[in-house]
Amino acid sequence: MAKSKNHTNHNQNRKAHRNGIKKPKKFRHESTLGMDPKFLRNQRFSKKGNLKPAKQLARAAERKATREAKAKK
């Protein structure tokens, strides 16, 4: 009895390229569905702790003013 065929890749490359091999589309915000819950929970808390850009700039200006006031003394 003849040995059975173990593996072949015949025609697979041609089939794959007929419609072109495309890169996956990149979206601005990747979905969090199916992500690790522990990571998502931590991400939520870290977002809560961060300031919005406008408030961040105001806080930085405030700190700079106090630093300059201390330097003048």
PDB file of N, CA and C in Angstrom:
ATOM      1  N   MET A   1       0.834  -1.180   0.000  1.00  0.00           N
ATOM      2  CA  MET A   1       0.000   0.000   0.000  1.00  0.00           C
ATOM      3  C   MET A   1       0.884   1.251   0.000  1.00  0.00           C
ATOM      4  N   ALA A   2       0.492   2.253  -0.807  1.00  0.00           N
ATOM      5  CA  ALA A   2       1.282   3.482  -0.918  1.00  0.00           C
ATOM      6  C   ALA A   2       1.094   4.356   0.322  1.00  0.00           C
ATOM      7  N   LYS A   3       2.148   5.126   0.590  1.00  0.00           N
ATOM      8  CA  LYS A   3       2.067   6.032   1.744  1.00  0.00           C
ATOM      9  C   LYS A   3       1.107   7.182   1.413  1.00  0.00           C
ATOM     10  N   SER A   4       0.400   7.674   2.427  1.00  0.00           N
ATOM     11  CA  SER A   4      -0.550   8.772   2.193  1.00  0.00           C
ATOM     12  C   SER A   4       0.182  10.116   2.197  1.00  0.00           C
ATOM     13  N   LYS A   5      -0.417  11.068   1.512  1.00  0.00           N
ATOM     14  CA  LYS A   5       0.202  12.391   1.396  1.00  0.00           C
ATOM     15  C   LYS A   5       0.092  13.125   2.737  1.00  0.00           C
ATOM     16  N   ASN A   6       1.210  13.696   3.168  1.00  0.00           N
ATOM     17  CA  ASN A   6       1.218  14.383   4.458  1.00  0.00           C
ATOM     18  C   ASN A   6       0.910  15.872   4.354  1.00  0.00           C
ATOM     19  N   HIS A   7       1.476  16.552   3.349  1.00  0.00           N
ATOM     20  CA  HIS A   7       1.297  18.007   3.288  1.00  0.00           C
ATOM     21  C   HIS A   7       1.522  18.523   1.869  1.00  0.00           C
ATOM     22  N   THR A   8       0.730  19.538   1.487  1.00  0.00           N
ATOM     23  CA  THR A   8       0.986  20.242   0.235  1.00  0.00           C
ATOM     24  C   THR A   8       0.488  21.672   0.356  1.00  0.00           C
ATOM     25  N   ASN A   9       1.197  22.577  -0.302  1.00  0.00           N
ATOM     26  CA  ASN A   9       0.808  23.979  -0.295  1.00  0.00           C
ATOM     27  C   ASN A   9       0.466  24.417  -1.710  1.00  0.00           C
ATOM     28  N   HIS A  10       0.224  23.464  -2.577  1.00  0.00           N
ATOM     29  CA  HIS A  10      -0.007  23.730  -3.988  1.00  0.00           C
ATOM     30  C   HIS A  10      -1.209  24.653  -4.191  1.00  0.00           C
ATOM     31  N   ASN A  11      -1.018  25.716  -4.970  1.00  0.00           N
ATOM     32  CA  ASN A  11      -2.062  26.653  -5.393  1.00  0.00           C
ATOM     33  C   ASN A  11      -2.550  27.600  -4.297  1.00  0.00           C
ATOM     34  N   GLN A  12      -2.113  27.425  -3.068  1.00  0.00           N
ATOM     35  CA  GLN A  12      -2.627  28.257  -1.974  1.00  0.00           C
ATOM     36  C   GLN A  12      -2.175  29.714  -2.122  1.00  0.00           C
ATOM     37  N   ASN A  13      -0.929  29.918  -2.548  1.00  0.00           N
ATOM     38  CA  ASN A  13      -0.397  31.266  -2.708  1.00  0.00           C
ATOM     39  C   ASN A  13      -1.133  32.008  -3.818  1.00  0.00           C
ATOM     40  N   ARG A  14      -1.398  31.324  -4.902  1.00  0.00           N
ATOM     41  CA  ARG A  14      -2.117  31.936  -6.026  1.00  0.00           C
ATOM     42  C   ARG A  14      -3.533  32.316  -5.601  1.00  0.00           C
ATOM     43  N   LYS A  15      -4.192  31.421  -4.879  1.00  0.00           N
ATOM     44  CA  LYS A  15      -5.549  31.688  -4.400  1.00  0.00           C
ATOM     45  C   LYS A  15      -5.571  32.909  -3.472  1.00  0.00           C
ATOM     46  N   ALA A  16      -4.551  33.002  -2.623  1.00  0.00           N
ATOM     47  CA  ALA A  16      -4.492  34.100  -1.655  1.00  0.00           C
ATOM     48  C   ALA A  16      -4.294  35.441  -2.344  1.00  0.00           C
ATOM     49  N   HIS A  17      -3.544  35.456  -3.434  1.00  0.00           N
ATOM     50  CA  HIS A  17      -3.215  36.711  -4.104  1.00  0.00           C
ATOM     51  C   HIS A  17      -4.235  37.126  -5.165  1.00  0.00           C
ATOM     52  N   ARG A  18      -5.205  36.286  -5.470  1.00  0.00           N
ATOM     53  CA  ARG A  18      -6.191  36.647  -6.501  1.00  0.00           C
ATOM     54  C   ARG A  18      -6.957  37.904  -6.116  1.00  0.00           C
ATOM     55  N   ASN A  19      -7.340  38.001  -4.852  1.00  0.00           N
ATOM     56  CA  ASN A  19      -8.013  39.213  -4.371  1.00  0.00           C
ATOM     57  C   ASN A  19      -7.054  40.123  -3.616  1.00  0.00           C
ATOM     58  N   GLY A  20      -5.794  39.788  -3.636  1.00  0.00           N
ATOM     59  CA  GLY A  20      -4.788  40.605  -2.970  1.00  0.00           C
ATOM     60  C   GLY A  20      -4.745  40.351  -1.475  1.00  0.00           C
ATOM     61  N   ILE A  21      -3.538  40.350  -0.930  1.00  0.00           N
ATOM     62  CA  ILE A  21      -3.388  40.216   0.512  1.00  0.00           C
ATOM     63  C   ILE A  21      -3.351  41.631   1.058  1.00  0.00           C
ATOM     64  N   LYS A  22      -4.363  41.991   1.849  1.00  0.00           N
ATOM     65  CA  LYS A  22      -4.501  43.361   2.343  1.00  0.00           C
ATOM     66  C   LYS A  22      -4.116  43.445   3.811  1.00  0.00           C
ATOM     67  N   LYS A  23      -3.598  44.619   4.204  1.00  0.00           N
ATOM     68  CA  LYS A  23      -3.301  44.868   5.616  1.00  0.00           C
ATOM     69  C   LYS A  23      -4.621  45.136   6.329  1.00  0.00           C
ATOM     70  N   PRO A  24      -4.718  44.793   7.596  1.00  0.00           N
ATOM     71  CA  PRO A  24      -5.958  45.090   8.320  1.00  0.00           C
ATOM     72  C   PRO A  24      -6.146  46.597   8.464  1.00  0.00           C
ATOM     73  N   LYS A  25      -7.403  47.038   8.413  1.00  0.00           N
ATOM     74  CA  LYS A  25      -7.695  48.463   8.536  1.00  0.00           C
ATOM     75  C   LYS A  25      -7.384  48.914   9.954  1.00  0.00           C
ATOM     76  N   LYS A  26      -6.821  50.113  10.061  1.00  0.00           N
ATOM     77  CA  LYS A  26      -6.497  50.670  11.376  1.00  0.00           C
ATOM     78  C   LYS A  26      -7.546  51.719  11.725  1.00  0.00           C
ATOM     79  N   PHE A  27      -8.185  51.524  12.860  1.00  0.00           N
ATOM     80  CA  PHE A  27      -9.199  52.458  13.316  1.00  0.00           C
ATOM     81  C   PHE A  27      -8.608  53.389  14.370  1.00  0.00           C
ATOM     82  N   ARG A  28      -9.208  54.559  14.519  1.00  0.00           N
ATOM     83  CA  ARG A  28      -8.711  55.548  15.479  1.00  0.00           C
ATOM     84  C   ARG A  28      -8.770  54.991  16.903  1.00  0.00           C
ATOM     85  N   HIS A  29      -9.909  54.399  17.255  1.00  0.00           N
ATOM     86  CA  HIS A  29     -10.064  53.823  18.588  1.00  0.00           C
ATOM     87  C   HIS A  29     -10.383  52.341  18.445  1.00  0.00           C
ATOM     88  N   GLU A  30      -9.457  51.524  18.870  1.00  0.00           N
ATOM     89  CA  GLU A  30      -9.655  50.084  18.804  1.00  0.00           C
ATOM     90  C   GLU A  30     -10.694  49.671  19.846  1.00  0.00           C
ATOM     91  N   SER A  31     -11.528  48.726  19.504  1.00  0.00           N
ATOM     92  CA  SER A  31     -12.576  48.272  20.414  1.00  0.00           C
ATOM     93  C   SER A  31     -11.971  47.601  21.642  1.00  0.00           C
ATOM     94  N   THR A  32     -12.615  47.800  22.788  1.00  0.00           N
ATOM     95  CA  THR A  32     -12.127  47.177  24.021  1.00  0.00           C
ATOM     96  C   THR A  32     -12.873  45.879  24.318  1.00  0.00           C
ATOM     97  N   LEU A  33     -13.769  45.493  23.426  1.00  0.00           N
ATOM     98  CA  LEU A  33     -14.501  44.241  23.616  1.00  0.00           C
ATOM     99  C   LEU A  33     -13.537  43.064  23.589  1.00  0.00           C
ATOM    100  N   GLY A  34     -13.619  42.218  24.572  1.00  0.00           N
ATOM    101  CA  GLY A  34     -12.764  41.036  24.620  1.00  0.00           C
ATOM    102  C   GLY A  34     -11.399  41.299  25.220  1.00  0.00           C
ATOM    103  N   MET A  35     -11.123  42.549  25.633  1.00  0.00           N
ATOM    104  CA  MET A  35      -9.839  42.850  26.265  1.00  0.00           C
ATOM    105  C   MET A  35      -9.848  42.362  27.706  1.00  0.00           C
ATOM    106  N   ASP A  36      -8.661  42.277  28.275  1.00  0.00           N
ATOM    107  CA  ASP A  36      -8.487  41.816  29.645  1.00  0.00           C
ATOM    108  C   ASP A  36      -9.216  42.753  30.617  1.00  0.00           C
ATOM    109  N   PRO A  37     -10.167  42.236  31.408  1.00  0.00           N
ATOM    110  CA  PRO A  37     -10.945  43.091  32.316  1.00  0.00           C
ATOM    111  C   PRO A  37     -10.089  43.827  33.343  1.00  0.00           C
ATOM    112  N   LYS A  38      -9.031  43.166  33.816  1.00  0.00           N
ATOM    113  CA  LYS A  38      -8.150  43.780  34.817  1.00  0.00           C
ATOM    114  C   LYS A  38      -7.462  45.011  34.213  1.00  0.00           C
ATOM    115  N   PHE A  39      -7.036  44.877  32.965  1.00  0.00           N
ATOM    116  CA  PHE A  39      -6.387  45.987  32.260  1.00  0.00           C
ATOM    117  C   PHE A  39      -7.370  47.135  32.051  1.00  0.00           C
ATOM    118  N   LEU A  40      -8.607  46.809  31.635  1.00  0.00           N
ATOM    119  CA  LEU A  40      -9.614  47.836  31.370  1.00  0.00           C
ATOM    120  C   LEU A  40      -9.973  48.603  32.643  1.00  0.00           C
ATOM    121  N   ARG A  41     -10.056  47.885  33.754  1.00  0.00           N
ATOM    122  CA  ARG A  41     -10.376  48.511  35.039  1.00  0.00           C
ATOM    123  C   ARG A  41      -9.267  49.491  35.424  1.00  0.00           C
ATOM    124  N   ASN A  42      -8.028  49.058  35.265  1.00  0.00           N
ATOM    125  CA  ASN A  42      -6.890  49.913  35.593  1.00  0.00           C
ATOM    126  C   ASN A  42      -6.855  51.132  34.669  1.00  0.00           C
ATOM    127  N   GLN A  43      -7.165  50.916  33.398  1.00  0.00           N
ATOM    128  CA  GLN A  43      -7.172  52.005  32.420  1.00  0.00           C
ATOM    129  C   GLN A  43      -8.224  53.050  32.790  1.00  0.00           C
ATOM    130  N   ARG A  44      -9.373  52.578  33.269  1.00  0.00           N
ATOM    131  CA  ARG A  44     -10.447  53.481  33.659  1.00  0.00           C
ATOM    132  C   ARG A  44     -10.005  54.379  34.821  1.00  0.00           C
ATOM    133  N   PHE A  45      -9.348  53.770  35.808  1.00  0.00           N
ATOM    134  CA  PHE A  45      -8.877  54.542  36.963  1.00  0.00           C
ATOM    135  C   PHE A  45      -7.774  55.520  36.565  1.00  0.00           C
ATOM    136  N   SER A  46      -6.895  55.103  35.665  1.00  0.00           N
ATOM    137  CA  SER A  46      -5.794  55.985  35.251  1.00  0.00           C
ATOM    138  C   SER A  46      -6.330  57.171  34.453  1.00  0.00           C
ATOM    139  N   LYS A  47      -7.366  56.949  33.647  1.00  0.00           N
ATOM    140  CA  LYS A  47      -7.977  58.045  32.891  1.00  0.00           C
ATOM    141  C   LYS A  47      -8.638  59.041  33.841  1.00  0.00           C
ATOM    142  N   LYS A  48      -9.251  58.512  34.904  1.00  0.00           N
ATOM    143  CA  LYS A  48      -9.924  59.358  35.882  1.00  0.00           C
ATOM    144  C   LYS A  48      -8.907  60.239  36.608  1.00  0.00           C
ATOM    145  N   GLY A  49      -7.711  59.714  36.839  1.00  0.00           N
ATOM    146  CA  GLY A  49      -6.671  60.438  37.563  1.00  0.00           C
ATOM    147  C   GLY A  49      -5.993  61.521  36.740  1.00  0.00           C
ATOM    148  N   ASN A  50      -6.053  61.411  35.427  1.00  0.00           N
ATOM    149  CA  ASN A  50      -5.397  62.393  34.556  1.00  0.00           C
ATOM    150  C   ASN A  50      -6.292  63.604  34.328  1.00  0.00           C
ATOM    151  N   LEU A  51      -5.660  64.758  34.172  1.00  0.00           N
ATOM    152  CA  LEU A  51      -6.405  65.991  33.913  1.00  0.00           C
ATOM    153  C   LEU A  51      -6.616  66.191  32.421  1.00  0.00           C
ATOM    154  N   LYS A  52      -7.640  66.976  32.093  1.00  0.00           N
ATOM    155  CA  LYS A  52      -7.881  67.348  30.699  1.00  0.00           C
ATOM    156  C   LYS A  52      -6.771  68.324  30.285  1.00  0.00           C
ATOM    157  N   PRO A  53      -6.419  68.382  28.987  1.00  0.00           N
ATOM    158  CA  PRO A  53      -5.301  69.224  28.543  1.00  0.00           C
ATOM    159  C   PRO A  53      -5.397  70.686  28.994  1.00  0.00           C
ATOM    160  N   ALA A  54      -6.586  71.289  28.940  1.00  0.00           N
ATOM    161  CA  ALA A  54      -6.739  72.695  29.331  1.00  0.00           C
ATOM    162  C   ALA A  54      -6.417  72.883  30.815  1.00  0.00           C
ATOM    163  N   LYS A  55      -6.933  71.969  31.642  1.00  0.00           N
ATOM    164  CA  LYS A  55      -6.675  72.053  33.083  1.00  0.00           C
ATOM    165  C   LYS A  55      -5.204  71.792  33.379  1.00  0.00           C
ATOM    166  N   GLN A  56      -4.611  70.916  32.592  1.00  0.00           N
ATOM    167  CA  GLN A  56      -3.200  70.575  32.778  1.00  0.00           C
ATOM    168  C   GLN A  56      -2.325  71.809  32.538  1.00  0.00           C
ATOM    169  N   LEU A  57      -2.630  72.569  31.476  1.00  0.00           N
ATOM    170  CA  LEU A  57      -1.877  73.786  31.162  1.00  0.00           C
ATOM    171  C   LEU A  57      -2.060  74.841  32.249  1.00  0.00           C
ATOM    172  N   ALA A  58      -3.298  74.972  32.744  1.00  0.00           N
ATOM    173  CA  ALA A  58      -3.574  75.944  33.799  1.00  0.00           C
ATOM    174  C   ALA A  58      -2.799  75.584  35.064  1.00  0.00           C
ATOM    175  N   ARG A  59      -2.772  74.301  35.383  1.00  0.00           N
ATOM    176  CA  ARG A  59      -2.059  73.812  36.573  1.00  0.00           C
ATOM    177  C   ARG A  59      -0.565  74.072  36.434  1.00  0.00           C
ATOM    178  N   ALA A  60      -0.027  73.866  35.231  1.00  0.00           N
ATOM    179  CA  ALA A  60       1.399  74.086  34.981  1.00  0.00           C
ATOM    180  C   ALA A  60       1.746  75.564  35.135  1.00  0.00           C
ATOM    181  N   ALA A  61       0.885  76.445  34.624  1.00  0.00           N
ATOM    182  CA  ALA A  61       1.108  77.886  34.736  1.00  0.00           C
ATOM    183  C   ALA A  61       1.076  78.316  36.201  1.00  0.00           C
ATOM    184  N   GLU A  62       0.156  77.726  36.941  1.00  0.00           N
ATOM    185  CA  GLU A  62       0.027  78.010  38.376  1.00  0.00           C
ATOM    186  C   GLU A  62       1.305  77.613  39.119  1.00  0.00           C
ATOM    187  N   ARG A  63       1.805  76.427  38.808  1.00  0.00           N
ATOM    188  CA  ARG A  63       3.037  75.929  39.439  1.00  0.00           C
ATOM    189  C   ARG A  63       4.222  76.824  39.089  1.00  0.00           C
ATOM    190  N   LYS A  64       4.275  77.247  37.824  1.00  0.00           N
ATOM    191  CA  LYS A  64       5.376  78.098  37.365  1.00  0.00           C
ATOM    192  C   LYS A  64       5.365  79.430  38.113  1.00  0.00           C
ATOM    193  N   ALA A  65       4.171  79.995  38.305  1.00  0.00           N
ATOM    194  CA  ALA A  65       4.029  81.270  39.010  1.00  0.00           C
ATOM    195  C   ALA A  65       4.505  81.142  40.457  1.00  0.00           C
ATOM    196  N   THR A  66       4.128  80.050  41.116  1.00  0.00           N
ATOM    197  CA  THR A  66       4.555  79.854  42.514  1.00  0.00           C
ATOM    198  C   THR A  66       6.062  79.638  42.595  1.00  0.00           C
ATOM    199  N   ARG A  67       6.614  78.946  41.614  1.00  0.00           N
ATOM    200  CA  ARG A  67       8.058  78.695  41.587  1.00  0.00           C
ATOM    201  C   ARG A  67       8.828  80.007  41.417  1.00  0.00           C
ATOM    202  N   GLU A  68       8.335  80.872  40.519  1.00  0.00           N
ATOM    203  CA  GLU A  68       8.976  82.166  40.279  1.00  0.00           C
ATOM    204  C   GLU A  68       8.854  83.081  41.499  1.00  0.00           C
ATOM    205  N   ALA A  69       7.703  83.001  42.179  1.00  0.00           N
ATOM    206  CA  ALA A  69       7.495  83.813  43.382  1.00  0.00           C
ATOM    207  C   ALA A  69       8.477  83.393  44.479  1.00  0.00           C
ATOM    208  N   LYS A  70       8.714  82.097  44.608  1.00  0.00           N
ATOM    209  CA  LYS A  70       9.663  81.585  45.604  1.00  0.00           C
ATOM    210  C   LYS A  70      11.090  81.996  45.253  1.00  0.00           C
ATOM    211  N   ALA A  71      11.401  82.031  43.962  1.00  0.00           N
ATOM    212  CA  ALA A  71      12.751  82.377  43.514  1.00  0.00           C
ATOM    213  C   ALA A  71      13.060  83.854  43.781  1.00  0.00           C
ATOM    214  N   LYS A  72      12.043  84.724  43.707  1.00  0.00           N
ATOM    215  CA  LYS A  72      12.230  86.155  43.936  1.00  0.00           C
ATOM    216  C   LYS A  72      12.524  86.466  45.404  1.00  0.00           C
ATOM    217  N   LYS A  73      11.987  85.641  46.313  1.00  0.00           N
ATOM    218  CA  LYS A  73      12.167  85.888  47.758  1.00  0.00           C
ATOM    219  C   LYS A  73      13.589  85.710  48.207  1.00  0.00           C
TER     220      LYS A  73
END
